[in-house]
Every structure is written in C-alpha cells, then in structure tokens.
Amino acid sequence: MAPRLPPSKLHLIRDMIESQSLGTSKMAEEAECSQATIINIRANLRQFGSVHAPPTRIGRRRTVTPLMIEALCEHLSEKPGLYLDEMAVFLWDEFRTLVTTSSIRRALVAKSWSKKSTRQQARERDADLREWYLHNLSDFQSYQLVYVDESGCDKRVGFRRTGWSPFGVSPMQVSQFHRDQRYQILPAYSQDGIVFSRFDAFLGWCIDMVGAKEESARGHFRHAGLKIEEVLKDC
C-alpha cells in the first residue's frame, strides 16, 4: 500500500488542479506521485470539495438525521421540559419516522445537549407594569409600607423541574403561571420587622386603617376576593 501524501503535497496538488495550468502527468511529476493519485484527488475535489473523500460509515444508518435533530433542538428551545417519549411523538408528527428514546438521547448528547434544572419565567411578566408600580410606590414613605410575604400554598399547576439545553446553558421554560385561591401562611412585615404573626390580625388592622366605615372596609376586601366575616369575630 502506497504511503499517504503529506498535507503539504496535498495542498500543492489542490492548488495545481484549481489553477488548471498543468496536465496530469506534469502535476504528478511536480508532486512526486502517480497520475492515478492526481486523478483521484481531482475527482474528490469535484464531488466532495475536498482532497479526501468522506469516511464510509460502518453499520446501520442513523434514524435521527441532522435535519431531525435540528428541528428537535429548535422545538426544545421553546419547550425544554419535554420527556423523551414526547420528543419521539414530535419527530413522528413532523417526519413520520419512528425513533426510539435511546436514539434520541444519543443524538442530543452528540449535539452537546444535556438535561438539567429548568428556570421558570412567567409569561405575564411585564417590565412596563413593574416600572409603573415603582412609580406609584415612590409616593409613600418606607414606614407606610406593610408587606405580606408571598410564601404560601395554592393550587398552582405543576411545572417540570428539569429540561434539555446545550452544554453550559440553563433551560428556561416560559409559561403562564396559573394559580387558584392562594393561602398566605407567613406574617406581615414592615421596616421595623414583623407587624403581626397571624394573618387574621393583619386583616383586622387593615380594616381599622382603611377608614371609619366598616362597610367600606368590607367592600375593599370583598372585591379582593377575601372573606373576613369570621376574622371580624376574632378581632
């Protein structure tokens, strides 16, 4: 078997072929190789654009083609929390090709994608509304503000905690944060610390501060969706 030509000679042959200034025999003489080598390199340049032909893969063809993996990665950019079987359904819907979950996993790993913890981002998030809130808040002094910690429990729709993304990139799931009635658990806070350790006491304090008219205070909380009848008895 003839020895492989060094890269320098391959580059020389490619330049002579592209210049079209010399014949096959003259190029073989200049590169110190056979004419068959010049003919093979010319054919590779014409068919593959390189002095070397692409390697011949041994084994069965891949079921996940480059086009399929590109479409899947684009789909995962929007829905990173998909399970492997859901990816298989997506590929069937788009390409009518049955792909096993193991093949999908290998293709994603070969594409430098991995599964990791997902960051959740609310679709309802609005920078303009946040700026408007801060503008309205500037009319108050810090001692006038009382906050109820948002930690609590509700009937929020569950989110998938992991998702697929390229190496070094955290997957982000943008979705609508749907929740039903929320139950506050932690106390109310001001700049001086804890105002009330019980939320019902905080509601009673709010009623006293809203105005002298109890019915007006009831209306404020009724429109907010809060029931305070039992709280008033305790207060």
C-alpha atoms as a PDB file:
ATOM      1  CA  MET A   1       0.000   0.000   0.000  1.00  0.00           C
ATOM      2  CA  ALA A   2       1.424   3.360  -1.051  1.00  0.00           C
ATOM      3  CA  PRO A   3       2.255   5.783   1.773  1.00  0.00           C
ATOM      4  CA  ARG A   4      -0.071   8.702   2.413  1.00  0.00           C
ATOM      5  CA  LEU A   5       0.950  12.018   0.954  1.00  0.00           C
ATOM      6  CA  PRO A   6       1.839  14.723   3.499  1.00  0.00           C
ATOM      7  CA  PRO A   7      -0.562  17.680   3.824  1.00  0.00           C
ATOM      8  CA  SER A   8       1.902  19.998   2.093  1.00  0.00           C
ATOM      9  CA  LYS A   9       1.841  17.908  -1.100  1.00  0.00           C
ATOM     10  CA  LEU A  10      -1.938  17.571  -0.950  1.00  0.00           C
ATOM     11  CA  HIS A  11      -2.247  21.357  -0.784  1.00  0.00           C
ATOM     12  CA  LEU A  12       0.181  21.653  -3.708  1.00  0.00           C
ATOM     13  CA  ILE A  13      -1.837  19.238  -5.819  1.00  0.00           C
ATOM     14  CA  ARG A  14      -5.090  21.040  -4.951  1.00  0.00           C
ATOM     15  CA  ASP A  15      -3.606  24.388  -5.997  1.00  0.00           C
ATOM     16  CA  MET A  16      -2.288  22.966  -9.293  1.00  0.00           C
ATOM     17  CA  ILE A  17      -5.668  21.374 -10.077  1.00  0.00           C
ATOM     18  CA  GLU A  18      -7.559  24.582  -9.310  1.00  0.00           C
ATOM     19  CA  SER A  19      -5.148  26.655 -11.436  1.00  0.00           C
ATOM     20  CA  GLN A  20      -5.695  24.331 -14.448  1.00  0.00           C
ATOM     21  CA  SER A  21      -2.271  25.333 -15.781  1.00  0.00           C
ATOM     22  CA  LEU A  22      -0.650  21.879 -15.841  1.00  0.00           C
ATOM     23  CA  GLY A  23      -1.557  18.485 -17.205  1.00  0.00           C
ATOM     24  CA  THR A  24      -1.957  15.315 -15.172  1.00  0.00           C
ATOM     25  CA  SER A  25       1.495  13.929 -15.931  1.00  0.00           C
ATOM     26  CA  LYS A  26       3.204  17.237 -15.177  1.00  0.00           C
ATOM     27  CA  MET A  27       1.379  17.582 -11.843  1.00  0.00           C
ATOM     28  CA  ALA A  28       2.336  14.011 -10.906  1.00  0.00           C
ATOM     29  CA  GLU A  29       5.933  14.823 -11.675  1.00  0.00           C
ATOM     30  CA  GLU A  30       5.898  18.024  -9.605  1.00  0.00           C
ATOM     31  CA  ALA A  31       4.213  16.317  -6.609  1.00  0.00           C
ATOM     32  CA  GLU A  32       6.278  13.140  -6.941  1.00  0.00           C
ATOM     33  CA  CYS A  33       3.223  10.876  -7.054  1.00  0.00           C
ATOM     34  CA  SER A  34       1.383   8.734  -9.572  1.00  0.00           C
ATOM     35  CA  GLN A  35      -1.048  10.011 -12.138  1.00  0.00           C
ATOM     36  CA  ALA A  36      -3.790   7.873 -10.526  1.00  0.00           C
ATOM     37  CA  THR A  37      -3.362   9.896  -7.337  1.00  0.00           C
ATOM     38  CA  ILE A  38      -3.874  13.141  -9.268  1.00  0.00           C
ATOM     39  CA  ILE A  39      -6.995  11.702 -10.934  1.00  0.00           C
ATOM     40  CA  ASN A  40      -8.455  10.548  -7.589  1.00  0.00           C
ATOM     41  CA  ILE A  41      -7.794  13.902  -5.898  1.00  0.00           C
ATOM     42  CA  ARG A  42      -9.374  15.736  -8.862  1.00  0.00           C
ATOM     43  CA  ALA A  43     -12.479  13.528  -8.543  1.00  0.00           C
ATOM     44  CA  ASN A  44     -12.694  14.155  -4.777  1.00  0.00           C
ATOM     45  CA  LEU A  45     -12.499  17.909  -5.305  1.00  0.00           C
ATOM     46  CA  ARG A  46     -15.239  17.737  -7.927  1.00  0.00           C
ATOM     47  CA  GLN A  47     -17.625  15.563  -5.844  1.00  0.00           C
ATOM     48  CA  PHE A  48     -16.881  16.467  -2.235  1.00  0.00           C
ATOM     49  CA  GLY A  49     -14.989  19.772  -2.359  1.00  0.00           C
ATOM     50  CA  SER A  50     -12.012  18.250  -0.536  1.00  0.00           C
ATOM     51  CA  VAL A  51      -8.885  16.276  -1.425  1.00  0.00           C
ATOM     52  CA  HIS A  52     -10.214  13.457   0.770  1.00  0.00           C
ATOM     53  CA  ALA A  53     -13.429  11.533   0.281  1.00  0.00           C
ATOM     54  CA  PRO A  54     -15.704  11.401   3.364  1.00  0.00           C
ATOM     55  CA  PRO A  55     -15.217   8.287   5.518  1.00  0.00           C
ATOM     56  CA  THR A  56     -17.518   5.365   4.886  1.00  0.00           C
ATOM     57  CA  ARG A  57     -19.616   4.651   7.975  1.00  0.00           C
ATOM     58  CA  ILE A  58     -19.791   1.040   9.083  1.00  0.00           C
ATOM     59  CA  GLY A  59     -23.118  -0.149  10.475  1.00  0.00           C
ATOM     60  CA  ARG A  60     -26.737   0.825  10.030  1.00  0.00           C
ATOM     61  CA  ARG A  61     -27.736   4.367   9.166  1.00  0.00           C
ATOM     62  CA  ARG A  62     -28.787   6.747  11.912  1.00  0.00           C
ATOM     63  CA  THR A  63     -32.513   7.002  12.494  1.00  0.00           C
ATOM     64  CA  VAL A  64     -32.190  10.617  13.749  1.00  0.00           C
ATOM     65  CA  THR A  65     -30.968  12.605  10.758  1.00  0.00           C
ATOM     66  CA  PRO A  66     -29.262  16.026  11.084  1.00  0.00           C
ATOM     67  CA  LEU A  67     -32.450  17.711   9.864  1.00  0.00           C
ATOM     68  CA  MET A  68     -34.493  15.919  12.520  1.00  0.00           C
ATOM     69  CA  ILE A  69     -32.116  16.799  15.362  1.00  0.00           C
ATOM     70  CA  GLU A  70     -32.046  20.457  14.270  1.00  0.00           C
ATOM     71  CA  ALA A  71     -35.854  20.587  14.305  1.00  0.00           C
ATOM     72  CA  LEU A  72     -35.931  18.850  17.695  1.00  0.00           C
ATOM     73  CA  CYS A  73     -33.398  21.266  19.228  1.00  0.00           C
ATOM     74  CA  GLU A  74     -35.411  24.215  17.957  1.00  0.00           C
ATOM     75  CA  HIS A  75     -38.545  22.705  19.499  1.00  0.00           C
ATOM     76  CA  LEU A  76     -36.729  22.111  22.803  1.00  0.00           C
ATOM     77  CA  SER A  77     -35.679  25.757  22.877  1.00  0.00           C
ATOM     78  CA  GLU A  78     -39.371  26.585  23.356  1.00  0.00           C
ATOM     79  CA  LYS A  79     -40.325  23.529  25.429  1.00  0.00           C
ATOM     80  CA  PRO A  80     -37.198  22.308  27.234  1.00  0.00           C
ATOM     81  CA  GLY A  81     -39.133  20.118  29.678  1.00  0.00           C
ATOM     82  CA  LEU A  82     -40.244  17.519  27.142  1.00  0.00           C
ATOM     83  CA  TYR A  83     -39.758  13.871  28.002  1.00  0.00           C
ATOM     84  CA  LEU A  84     -38.001  11.547  25.564  1.00  0.00           C
ATOM     85  CA  ASP A  85     -41.223   9.802  24.579  1.00  0.00           C
ATOM     86  CA  GLU A  86     -42.808  13.189  23.839  1.00  0.00           C
ATOM     87  CA  MET A  87     -39.827  14.008  21.615  1.00  0.00           C
ATOM     88  CA  ALA A  88     -40.434  10.733  19.767  1.00  0.00           C
ATOM     89  CA  VAL A  89     -44.060  11.783  19.180  1.00  0.00           C
ATOM     90  CA  PHE A  90     -42.878  15.173  17.894  1.00  0.00           C
ATOM     91  CA  LEU A  91     -40.494  13.529  15.405  1.00  0.00           C
ATOM     92  CA  TRP A  92     -43.266  11.209  14.228  1.00  0.00           C
ATOM     93  CA  ASP A  93     -45.657  14.129  13.724  1.00  0.00           C
ATOM     94  CA  GLU A  94     -43.054  16.157  11.824  1.00  0.00           C
ATOM     95  CA  PHE A  95     -41.152  13.500   9.853  1.00  0.00           C
ATOM     96  CA  ARG A  96     -43.304  10.343  10.062  1.00  0.00           C
ATOM     97  CA  THR A  97     -40.323   8.421  11.418  1.00  0.00           C
ATOM     98  CA  LEU A  98     -40.385   6.080  14.404  1.00  0.00           C
ATOM     99  CA  VAL A  99     -37.403   6.829  16.640  1.00  0.00           C
ATOM    100  CA  THR A 100     -36.535   5.123  19.907  1.00  0.00           C
ATOM    101  CA  THR A 101     -35.931   7.158  23.047  1.00  0.00           C
ATOM    102  CA  SER A 102     -32.385   5.807  23.314  1.00  0.00           C
ATOM    103  CA  SER A 103     -31.619   7.060  19.792  1.00  0.00           C
ATOM    104  CA  ILE A 104     -32.972  10.493  20.706  1.00  0.00           C
ATOM    105  CA  ARG A 105     -30.854  10.625  23.851  1.00  0.00           C
ATOM    106  CA  ARG A 106     -27.686   9.663  21.936  1.00  0.00           C
ATOM    107  CA  ALA A 107     -28.410  12.240  19.252  1.00  0.00           C
ATOM    108  CA  LEU A 108     -28.896  15.007  21.825  1.00  0.00           C
ATOM    109  CA  VAL A 109     -25.678  14.087  23.638  1.00  0.00           C
ATOM    110  CA  ALA A 110     -23.808  14.057  20.313  1.00  0.00           C
ATOM    111  CA  LYS A 111     -25.255  17.544  19.688  1.00  0.00           C
ATOM    112  CA  SER A 112     -23.818  18.646  23.090  1.00  0.00           C
ATOM    113  CA  TRP A 113     -27.228  18.885  24.758  1.00  0.00           C
ATOM    114  CA  SER A 114     -27.887  17.661  28.297  1.00  0.00           C
ATOM    115  CA  LYS A 115     -30.709  17.565  30.837  1.00  0.00           C
ATOM    116  CA  LYS A 116     -30.507  19.949  33.789  1.00  0.00           C
ATOM    117  CA  SER A 117     -32.642  22.033  36.158  1.00  0.00           C
ATOM    118  CA  THR A 118     -35.053  24.422  34.446  1.00  0.00           C
ATOM    119  CA  ARG A 119     -35.587  28.087  35.302  1.00  0.00           C
ATOM    120  CA  GLN A 120     -39.232  29.176  35.212  1.00  0.00           C
ATOM    121  CA  GLN A 121     -40.246  32.522  33.724  1.00  0.00           C
ATOM    122  CA  ALA A 122     -43.790  33.867  33.878  1.00  0.00           C
ATOM    123  CA  ARG A 123     -45.347  34.736  30.549  1.00  0.00           C
ATOM    124  CA  GLU A 124     -47.305  37.504  32.305  1.00  0.00           C
ATOM    125  CA  ARG A 125     -44.121  39.334  33.304  1.00  0.00           C
ATOM    126  CA  ASP A 126     -44.273  42.934  32.077  1.00  0.00           C
ATOM    127  CA  ALA A 127     -41.419  45.429  32.512  1.00  0.00           C
ATOM    128  CA  ASP A 128     -43.766  48.406  31.907  1.00  0.00           C
ATOM    129  CA  LEU A 129     -46.111  47.328  34.699  1.00  0.00           C
ATOM    130  CA  ARG A 130     -43.131  46.880  37.022  1.00  0.00           C
ATOM    131  CA  GLU A 131     -41.933  50.425  36.269  1.00  0.00           C
ATOM    132  CA  TRP A 132     -45.467  51.768  36.836  1.00  0.00           C
ATOM    133  CA  TYR A 133     -45.627  50.009  40.201  1.00  0.00           C
ATOM    134  CA  LEU A 134     -42.300  51.516  41.292  1.00  0.00           C
ATOM    135  CA  HIS A 135     -43.501  54.941  40.159  1.00  0.00           C
ATOM    136  CA  ASN A 136     -46.665  54.670  42.265  1.00  0.00           C
ATOM    137  CA  LEU A 137     -44.665  53.347  45.177  1.00  0.00           C
ATOM    138  CA  SER A 138     -42.477  56.445  45.216  1.00  0.00           C
ATOM    139  CA  ASP A 139     -45.393  58.478  46.680  1.00  0.00           C
ATOM    140  CA  PHE A 140     -45.119  56.610  50.002  1.00  0.00           C
ATOM    141  CA  GLN A 141     -42.602  56.621  52.818  1.00  0.00           C
ATOM    142  CA  SER A 142     -40.954  53.395  53.883  1.00  0.00           C
ATOM    143  CA  TYR A 143     -42.746  53.336  57.261  1.00  0.00           C
ATOM    144  CA  GLN A 144     -46.100  53.382  55.442  1.00  0.00           C
ATOM    145  CA  LEU A 145     -45.448  50.105  53.645  1.00  0.00           C
ATOM    146  CA  VAL A 146     -46.536  46.733  55.001  1.00  0.00           C
ATOM    147  CA  TYR A 147     -45.904  43.561  53.008  1.00  0.00           C
ATOM    148  CA  VAL A 148     -47.256  40.063  53.317  1.00  0.00           C
ATOM    149  CA  ASP A 149     -44.641  37.509  52.346  1.00  0.00           C
ATOM    150  CA  GLU A 150     -45.745  35.698  49.188  1.00  0.00           C
ATOM    151  CA  SER A 151     -44.688  32.336  50.541  1.00  0.00           C
ATOM    152  CA  GLY A 152     -47.762  30.223  50.915  1.00  0.00           C
ATOM    153  CA  CYS A 153     -49.707  27.466  49.243  1.00  0.00           C
ATOM    154  CA  ASP A 154     -52.062  27.429  46.290  1.00  0.00           C
ATOM    155  CA  LYS A 155     -53.344  25.129  43.574  1.00  0.00           C
ATOM    156  CA  ARG A 156     -50.635  26.105  41.125  1.00  0.00           C
ATOM    157  CA  VAL A 157     -50.221  23.891  38.089  1.00  0.00           C
ATOM    158  CA  GLY A 158     -47.132  21.725  38.456  1.00  0.00           C
ATOM    159  CA  PHE A 159     -44.009  22.528  36.428  1.00  0.00           C
ATOM    160  CA  ARG A 160     -41.323  20.156  35.253  1.00  0.00           C
ATOM    161  CA  ARG A 161     -38.134  20.828  37.164  1.00  0.00           C
ATOM    162  CA  THR A 162     -35.672  19.618  34.511  1.00  0.00           C
ATOM    163  CA  GLY A 163     -35.232  20.297  30.817  1.00  0.00           C
ATOM    164  CA  TRP A 164     -32.862  19.909  27.855  1.00  0.00           C
ATOM    165  CA  SER A 165     -30.475  22.601  26.639  1.00  0.00           C
ATOM    166  CA  PRO A 166     -26.953  22.915  25.162  1.00  0.00           C
ATOM    167  CA  PHE A 167     -23.949  22.418  27.421  1.00  0.00           C
ATOM    168  CA  GLY A 168     -23.352  25.462  29.632  1.00  0.00           C
ATOM    169  CA  VAL A 169     -26.857  26.917  29.063  1.00  0.00           C
ATOM    170  CA  SER A 170     -29.663  26.707  31.632  1.00  0.00           C
ATOM    171  CA  PRO A 171     -33.020  25.742  30.096  1.00  0.00           C
ATOM    172  CA  MET A 172     -35.773  28.326  30.582  1.00  0.00           C
ATOM    173  CA  GLN A 173     -39.468  27.441  30.495  1.00  0.00           C
ATOM    174  CA  VAL A 174     -41.707  30.415  29.631  1.00  0.00           C
ATOM    175  CA  SER A 175     -45.244  29.572  30.664  1.00  0.00           C
ATOM    176  CA  GLN A 176     -48.394  31.063  32.164  1.00  0.00           C
ATOM    177  CA  PHE A 177     -48.399  30.930  35.948  1.00  0.00           C
ATOM    178  CA  HIS A 178     -51.927  29.721  36.704  1.00  0.00           C
ATOM    179  CA  ARG A 179     -52.983  29.549  40.329  1.00  0.00           C
ATOM    180  CA  ASP A 180     -56.335  29.325  42.108  1.00  0.00           C
ATOM    181  CA  GLN A 181     -57.104  30.636  45.590  1.00  0.00           C
ATOM    182  CA  ARG A 182     -53.914  31.359  47.498  1.00  0.00           C
ATOM    183  CA  TYR A 183     -53.484  30.853  51.248  1.00  0.00           C
ATOM    184  CA  GLN A 184     -50.969  33.090  52.975  1.00  0.00           C
ATOM    185  CA  ILE A 185     -49.025  31.467  55.764  1.00  0.00           C
ATOM    186  CA  LEU A 186     -46.235  33.840  56.824  1.00  0.00           C
ATOM    187  CA  PRO A 187     -46.742  37.130  58.729  1.00  0.00           C
ATOM    188  CA  ALA A 188     -46.879  40.746  57.603  1.00  0.00           C
ATOM    189  CA  TYR A 189     -43.650  42.767  57.566  1.00  0.00           C
ATOM    190  CA  SER A 190     -42.746  46.441  57.772  1.00  0.00           C
ATOM    191  CA  GLN A 191     -39.421  48.249  58.027  1.00  0.00           C
ATOM    192  CA  ASP A 192     -39.480  47.633  61.792  1.00  0.00           C
ATOM    193  CA  GLY A 193     -39.910  43.885  61.424  1.00  0.00           C
ATOM    194  CA  ILE A 194     -42.929  41.641  61.965  1.00  0.00           C
ATOM    195  CA  VAL A 195     -46.197  43.555  62.351  1.00  0.00           C
ATOM    196  CA  PHE A 196     -48.491  40.589  63.006  1.00  0.00           C
ATOM    197  CA  SER A 197     -47.771  36.930  63.412  1.00  0.00           C
ATOM    198  CA  ARG A 198     -51.336  35.984  62.427  1.00  0.00           C
ATOM    199  CA  PHE A 199     -52.840  36.944  59.099  1.00  0.00           C
ATOM    200  CA  ASP A 200     -56.329  37.397  60.546  1.00  0.00           C
ATOM    201  CA  ALA A 201     -54.951  40.004  62.953  1.00  0.00           C
ATOM    202  CA  PHE A 202     -53.355  41.763  59.991  1.00  0.00           C
ATOM    203  CA  LEU A 203     -56.722  41.870  58.207  1.00  0.00           C
ATOM    204  CA  GLY A 204     -58.337  43.332  61.302  1.00  0.00           C
ATOM    205  CA  TRP A 205     -55.659  46.007  61.455  1.00  0.00           C
ATOM    206  CA  CYS A 206     -56.218  46.791  57.772  1.00  0.00           C
ATOM    207  CA  ILE A 207     -59.934  47.232  58.386  1.00  0.00           C
ATOM    208  CA  ASP A 208     -59.234  49.772  61.116  1.00  0.00           C
ATOM    209  CA  MET A 209     -56.781  51.650  58.890  1.00  0.00           C
ATOM    210  CA  VAL A 210     -58.908  51.735  55.736  1.00  0.00           C
ATOM    211  CA  GLY A 211     -61.497  54.044  57.277  1.00  0.00           C
ATOM    212  CA  ALA A 212     -64.024  54.513  59.982  1.00  0.00           C
ATOM    213  CA  LYS A 213     -66.753  52.865  57.926  1.00  0.00           C
ATOM    214  CA  GLU A 214     -66.665  49.128  58.465  1.00  0.00           C
ATOM    215  CA  GLU A 215     -68.850  48.530  55.416  1.00  0.00           C
ATOM    216  CA  SER A 216     -66.351  50.347  53.209  1.00  0.00           C
ATOM    217  CA  ALA A 217     -63.546  48.158  54.519  1.00  0.00           C
ATOM    218  CA  ARG A 218     -65.645  45.048  53.911  1.00  0.00           C
ATOM    219  CA  GLY A 219     -66.161  46.183  50.322  1.00  0.00           C
ATOM    220  CA  HIS A 220     -62.426  46.547  49.722  1.00  0.00           C
ATOM    221  CA  PHE A 221     -61.721  43.015  50.899  1.00  0.00           C
ATOM    222  CA  ARG A 222     -64.787  41.588  49.162  1.00  0.00           C
ATOM    223  CA  HIS A 223     -63.587  42.960  45.818  1.00  0.00           C
ATOM    224  CA  ALA A 224     -60.177  41.473  46.570  1.00  0.00           C
ATOM    225  CA  GLY A 225     -61.769  38.044  46.983  1.00  0.00           C
ATOM    226  CA  LEU A 226     -61.095  37.776  50.747  1.00  0.00           C
ATOM    227  CA  LYS A 227     -63.662  36.545  53.259  1.00  0.00           C
ATOM    228  CA  ILE A 228     -63.376  38.370  56.568  1.00  0.00           C
ATOM    229  CA  GLU A 229     -66.623  37.630  58.405  1.00  0.00           C
ATOM    230  CA  GLU A 230     -65.048  35.071  60.735  1.00  0.00           C
ATOM    231  CA  VAL A 231     -61.951  37.233  61.190  1.00  0.00           C
ATOM    232  CA  LEU A 232     -64.047  40.130  62.480  1.00  0.00           C
ATOM    233  CA  LYS A 233     -65.474  37.937  65.217  1.00  0.00           C
ATOM    234  CA  ASP A 234     -61.984  37.024  66.400  1.00  0.00           C
ATOM    235  CA  CYS A 235     -60.826  40.643  66.317  1.00  0.00           C
END
